């Protein structure tokens, strides 16, 4: 069952999400849905490894 959800997100992030969705020929809603589903799967898998990789990636961005 599909349900509407309202989120408050920075304008820059919304614009980025729209750009990514357009490039992938999908919707922002679908991107969000797939990302949350992926996060749920990683919780049951090797989440520490995936989270660690993401953290290292984000640390690299912040240093620049």
N, C-alpha and C. Protein backbone atom coordinates (compact mmCIF):
# COMPACT_ATOMS: atom_id res chain seq x y z
N UNK A 1 0.84 -1.18 0.00
CA UNK A 1 0.00 0.00 0.00
C UNK A 1 0.88 1.25 0.00
N UNK A 2 0.63 2.16 -0.87
CA UNK A 2 1.38 3.40 -0.96
C UNK A 2 0.71 4.46 -0.10
N UNK A 3 1.53 5.23 0.63
CA UNK A 3 1.06 6.28 1.52
C UNK A 3 1.92 7.51 1.33
N UNK A 4 1.32 8.69 1.46
CA UNK A 4 2.05 9.94 1.31
C UNK A 4 2.82 10.25 2.59
N UNK A 5 4.03 10.81 2.43
CA UNK A 5 4.89 11.19 3.55
C UNK A 5 5.45 12.57 3.26
N UNK A 6 5.39 13.46 4.23
CA UNK A 6 5.95 14.80 4.07
C UNK A 6 7.25 14.88 4.86
N UNK A 7 8.30 15.37 4.21
CA UNK A 7 9.61 15.51 4.84
C UNK A 7 10.07 16.96 4.73
N UNK A 8 10.83 17.41 5.70
CA UNK A 8 11.47 18.73 5.63
C UNK A 8 12.94 18.50 5.36
N UNK A 9 13.39 18.98 4.20
CA UNK A 9 14.75 18.73 3.75
C UNK A 9 15.31 20.03 3.18
N UNK A 10 16.61 20.25 3.39
CA UNK A 10 17.25 21.44 2.84
C UNK A 10 17.02 21.53 1.33
N UNK A 11 16.84 22.75 0.85
CA UNK A 11 16.57 22.98 -0.56
C UNK A 11 17.66 22.40 -1.45
N UNK A 12 18.93 22.53 -1.04
CA UNK A 12 20.03 22.01 -1.84
C UNK A 12 19.96 20.49 -1.98
N UNK A 13 19.55 19.83 -0.93
CA UNK A 13 19.43 18.36 -0.96
C UNK A 13 18.28 17.95 -1.87
N UNK A 14 17.20 18.71 -1.83
CA UNK A 14 16.06 18.42 -2.71
C UNK A 14 16.49 18.56 -4.17
N UNK A 15 17.20 19.62 -4.49
CA UNK A 15 17.66 19.82 -5.86
C UNK A 15 18.59 18.70 -6.30
N UNK A 16 19.47 18.27 -5.41
CA UNK A 16 20.37 17.15 -5.71
C UNK A 16 19.56 15.87 -5.94
N UNK A 17 18.59 15.62 -5.10
CA UNK A 17 17.75 14.42 -5.24
C UNK A 17 17.01 14.43 -6.57
N UNK A 18 16.49 15.59 -6.97
CA UNK A 18 15.79 15.70 -8.25
C UNK A 18 16.74 15.43 -9.41
N UNK A 19 17.96 15.96 -9.32
CA UNK A 19 18.96 15.74 -10.37
C UNK A 19 19.30 14.26 -10.49
N UNK A 20 19.55 13.62 -9.35
CA UNK A 20 19.89 12.20 -9.36
C UNK A 20 18.72 11.38 -9.90
N UNK A 21 17.51 11.70 -9.47
CA UNK A 21 16.32 10.98 -9.94
C UNK A 21 16.17 11.13 -11.45
N UNK A 22 16.38 12.33 -11.94
CA UNK A 22 16.27 12.58 -13.38
C UNK A 22 17.32 11.78 -14.16
N UNK A 23 18.54 11.78 -13.65
CA UNK A 23 19.61 11.02 -14.31
C UNK A 23 19.31 9.53 -14.35
N UNK A 24 18.65 9.04 -13.31
CA UNK A 24 18.33 7.61 -13.22
C UNK A 24 16.96 7.27 -13.79
N UNK A 25 16.29 8.31 -14.31
CA UNK A 25 14.96 8.15 -14.89
C UNK A 25 13.99 7.50 -13.90
N UNK A 26 13.96 8.07 -12.70
CA UNK A 26 13.07 7.59 -11.65
C UNK A 26 12.56 8.82 -10.88
N UNK A 27 11.84 8.58 -9.81
CA UNK A 27 11.31 9.67 -9.01
C UNK A 27 12.10 9.81 -7.71
N UNK A 28 11.98 10.97 -7.09
CA UNK A 28 12.61 11.18 -5.79
C UNK A 28 12.00 10.20 -4.78
N UNK A 29 10.72 9.98 -4.87
CA UNK A 29 10.06 9.03 -3.96
C UNK A 29 10.66 7.64 -4.09
N UNK A 30 10.89 7.22 -5.32
CA UNK A 30 11.47 5.88 -5.55
C UNK A 30 12.90 5.82 -5.02
N UNK A 31 13.68 6.89 -5.24
CA UNK A 31 15.05 6.93 -4.69
C UNK A 31 15.03 6.76 -3.18
N UNK A 32 14.16 7.51 -2.53
CA UNK A 32 14.05 7.44 -1.07
C UNK A 32 13.63 6.04 -0.64
N UNK A 33 12.62 5.51 -1.30
CA UNK A 33 12.13 4.17 -0.95
C UNK A 33 13.23 3.11 -1.09
N UNK A 34 13.96 3.17 -2.19
CA UNK A 34 15.03 2.19 -2.42
C UNK A 34 16.16 2.36 -1.41
N UNK A 35 16.49 3.59 -1.07
CA UNK A 35 17.56 3.84 -0.11
C UNK A 35 17.18 3.30 1.27
N UNK A 36 15.98 3.57 1.71
CA UNK A 36 15.53 3.08 3.02
C UNK A 36 15.48 1.55 3.02
N UNK A 37 15.01 0.96 1.92
CA UNK A 37 14.98 -0.50 1.83
C UNK A 37 16.40 -1.07 1.92
N UNK A 38 17.34 -0.42 1.24
CA UNK A 38 18.74 -0.86 1.30
C UNK A 38 19.29 -0.76 2.72
N UNK A 39 18.98 0.33 3.40
CA UNK A 39 19.42 0.47 4.80
C UNK A 39 18.86 -0.64 5.67
N UNK A 40 17.61 -0.99 5.45
CA UNK A 40 16.99 -2.08 6.20
C UNK A 40 17.68 -3.41 5.96
N UNK A 41 18.07 -3.65 4.71
CA UNK A 41 18.77 -4.89 4.37
C UNK A 41 20.15 -4.92 5.01
N UNK A 42 20.83 -3.79 5.03
CA UNK A 42 22.18 -3.77 5.57
C UNK A 42 22.17 -3.96 7.08
N UNK A 43 21.06 -3.62 7.71
CA UNK A 43 20.95 -3.85 9.16
C UNK A 43 21.07 -5.33 9.46
N UNK A 44 20.47 -6.13 8.60
CA UNK A 44 20.48 -7.58 8.81
C UNK A 44 21.74 -8.23 8.25
N UNK A 45 22.46 -7.52 7.41
CA UNK A 45 23.70 -8.07 6.81
C UNK A 45 24.89 -7.57 7.61
N UNK A 46 25.94 -7.27 6.93
CA UNK A 46 27.17 -6.82 7.59
C UNK A 46 27.14 -5.30 7.70
N UNK A 47 26.30 -4.78 8.55
CA UNK A 47 26.09 -3.34 8.66
C UNK A 47 27.34 -2.61 9.13
N UNK A 48 28.09 -3.18 10.00
CA UNK A 48 29.28 -2.50 10.49
C UNK A 48 30.26 -2.20 9.36
N UNK A 49 30.43 -3.12 8.45
CA UNK A 49 31.33 -2.90 7.33
C UNK A 49 30.81 -1.80 6.43
N UNK A 50 29.53 -1.87 6.08
CA UNK A 50 28.94 -0.87 5.19
C UNK A 50 28.94 0.50 5.87
N UNK A 51 28.54 0.56 7.12
CA UNK A 51 28.54 1.83 7.84
C UNK A 51 29.95 2.38 7.95
N UNK A 52 30.90 1.52 8.21
CA UNK A 52 32.29 1.95 8.30
C UNK A 52 32.79 2.54 6.99
N UNK A 53 32.43 1.90 5.88
CA UNK A 53 32.82 2.41 4.56
C UNK A 53 32.20 3.76 4.30
N UNK A 54 30.94 3.90 4.63
CA UNK A 54 30.25 5.18 4.42
C UNK A 54 30.85 6.26 5.31
N UNK A 55 31.18 5.91 6.53
CA UNK A 55 31.77 6.88 7.45
C UNK A 55 33.11 7.35 6.92
N UNK A 56 33.92 6.43 6.45
CA UNK A 56 35.23 6.80 5.89
C UNK A 56 35.06 7.70 4.67
N UNK A 57 34.07 7.39 3.82
CA UNK A 57 33.80 8.19 2.65
C UNK A 57 33.41 9.60 3.06
N UNK A 58 32.50 9.71 4.04
CA UNK A 58 32.05 11.02 4.48
C UNK A 58 33.17 11.80 5.15
N UNK A 59 34.03 11.13 5.90
CA UNK A 59 35.17 11.81 6.52
C UNK A 59 36.07 12.41 5.44
N UNK A 60 36.25 11.68 4.35
CA UNK A 60 37.06 12.19 3.25
C UNK A 60 36.47 13.44 2.62
N UNK A 61 35.15 13.48 2.50
CA UNK A 61 34.48 14.65 1.96
C UNK A 61 34.65 15.85 2.88
N UNK A 62 34.49 15.61 4.17
CA UNK A 62 34.54 16.71 5.13
C UNK A 62 35.94 17.30 5.26
N UNK A 63 36.98 16.50 5.02
CA UNK A 63 38.34 17.00 5.11
C UNK A 63 38.66 17.97 3.98
N UNK A 64 38.00 17.79 2.84
CA UNK A 64 38.25 18.65 1.68
C UNK A 64 37.61 19.97 1.92
